[in-house]
Protein backbone atom coordinates (compact mmCIF):
# COMPACT_ATOMS: atom_id res chain seq x y z
CA UNK A 1 -3.02 6.90 -23.69
CA UNK A 2 -2.88 7.89 -20.13
CA UNK A 3 -3.25 5.33 -17.34
CA UNK A 4 -3.57 5.97 -13.61
CA UNK A 5 -3.06 3.46 -10.89
CA UNK A 6 -3.26 3.60 -7.12
CA UNK A 7 -0.06 2.49 -5.30
CA UNK A 8 -1.10 0.80 -2.05
CA UNK A 9 -3.28 -2.40 -2.32
CA UNK A 10 -2.99 -2.20 -6.21
CA UNK A 11 0.73 -2.19 -6.96
CA UNK A 12 1.99 -3.00 -3.64
CA UNK A 13 0.73 -5.46 -0.97
CA UNK A 14 0.53 -3.27 2.18
CA UNK A 15 -2.17 -4.79 4.14
CA UNK A 16 -0.08 -7.74 5.14
CA UNK A 17 2.92 -5.75 6.26
CA UNK A 18 0.68 -3.35 8.23
CA UNK A 19 -1.04 -6.14 10.03
CA UNK A 20 2.12 -8.00 10.70
CA UNK A 21 3.45 -4.90 12.55
CA UNK A 22 0.14 -4.30 14.26
CA UNK A 23 -0.15 -8.00 15.37
CA UNK A 24 3.54 -7.98 16.64
CA UNK A 25 3.05 -4.83 18.78
CA UNK A 26 -0.39 -5.55 20.09
CA UNK A 27 -0.33 -9.32 20.29
CA UNK A 28 -3.44 -9.46 17.96
CA UNK A 29 -4.34 -11.82 15.00
CA UNK A 30 -5.86 -9.24 12.51
CA UNK A 31 -6.16 -10.56 9.06
CA UNK A 32 -6.67 -8.71 5.70
CA UNK A 33 -10.32 -9.61 5.74
CA UNK A 34 -10.68 -7.49 8.94
CA UNK A 35 -9.96 -4.37 6.96
CA UNK A 36 -13.31 -3.61 5.49
CA UNK A 37 -12.82 0.05 4.46
CA UNK A 38 -10.04 2.60 3.66
CA UNK A 39 -9.99 3.73 7.26
CA UNK A 40 -7.81 0.93 8.75
CA UNK A 41 -8.10 2.51 12.25
CA UNK A 42 -11.83 2.43 12.17
CA UNK A 43 -12.01 -1.12 10.62
CA UNK A 44 -9.81 -2.42 13.39
CA UNK A 45 -11.10 -0.24 16.02
CA UNK A 46 -7.50 1.19 16.80
CA UNK A 47 -6.20 4.55 17.66
CA UNK A 48 -5.71 6.56 14.34
CA UNK A 49 -2.15 8.06 15.38
CA UNK A 50 -1.03 4.33 16.19
CA UNK A 51 -2.17 3.36 12.71
CA UNK A 52 -0.53 6.51 11.08
CA UNK A 53 2.79 5.45 12.83
CA UNK A 54 2.50 1.81 11.63
CA UNK A 55 1.82 3.01 8.10
CA UNK A 56 4.74 5.36 8.03
CA UNK A 57 7.08 2.73 9.43
CA UNK A 58 6.01 0.25 6.85
CA UNK A 59 6.22 2.51 3.90
CA UNK A 60 9.52 4.22 5.00
CA UNK A 61 11.06 0.72 5.42
CA UNK A 62 10.33 0.02 1.68
CA UNK A 63 9.86 -3.67 2.71
CA UNK A 64 6.37 -4.51 1.24
CA UNK A 65 5.87 -6.80 -1.75
CA UNK A 66 4.71 -6.00 -5.16
CA UNK A 67 1.27 -7.43 -5.80
CA UNK A 68 1.17 -10.54 -7.75
CA UNK A 69 1.58 -10.10 -11.45
CA UNK A 70 1.85 -6.34 -11.27
CA UNK A 71 5.10 -5.93 -13.05
CA UNK A 72 3.94 -8.36 -15.75
CA UNK A 73 0.76 -6.28 -16.43
CA UNK A 74 2.24 -3.01 -16.38
CA UNK A 75 5.01 -4.10 -18.81
CA UNK A 76 2.25 -5.63 -21.04
CA UNK A 77 0.33 -2.41 -21.10
CA UNK A 78 3.51 -0.30 -21.86
CA UNK A 79 4.35 -2.49 -24.71
CA UNK A 80 0.98 -2.37 -26.35
CA UNK A 81 0.12 1.25 -26.17
CA UNK A 82 3.20 3.19 -24.77
CA UNK A 83 1.04 4.92 -22.26
CA UNK A 84 1.88 7.70 -19.81
CA UNK A 85 1.59 6.10 -16.39
CA UNK A 86 0.39 8.22 -13.41
CA UNK A 87 0.70 6.77 -9.82
CA UNK A 88 -2.03 7.94 -7.48
CA UNK A 89 -1.70 7.89 -3.67
CA UNK A 90 -2.88 9.21 -0.56
CA UNK A 91 0.48 8.78 1.08
CA UNK A 92 2.28 11.62 2.91
CA UNK A 93 4.24 13.48 0.11
CA UNK A 94 7.68 12.37 1.45
CA UNK A 95 6.71 8.64 1.27
CA UNK A 96 5.18 9.06 -2.24
CA UNK A 97 8.43 10.74 -3.44
CA UNK A 98 10.47 7.85 -1.95
CA UNK A 99 8.25 5.22 -3.47
CA UNK A 100 8.66 6.90 -7.04
CA UNK A 101 12.39 6.92 -7.00
């Protein structure tokens, strides 16, 4: 069995760390519900380059929590069916490689 899963927002909670950095730098009070589409910059009406820098900073820090129950469910799937797990991401290749090591 082959199973694929996205990384950001599925395995790892990245919205909260992104928003914490954005709110700290800009003095705003954005919440996860303010992100209404994949394009965070467009959702929050912020500069794309700024958002790219925030995302890179959060991902390279490695300080973002695993989504609730993720490890439990992946372990359960692995025990039941011995799948091949594929992790899918739109991350920059450097950050994708760091995440998988």
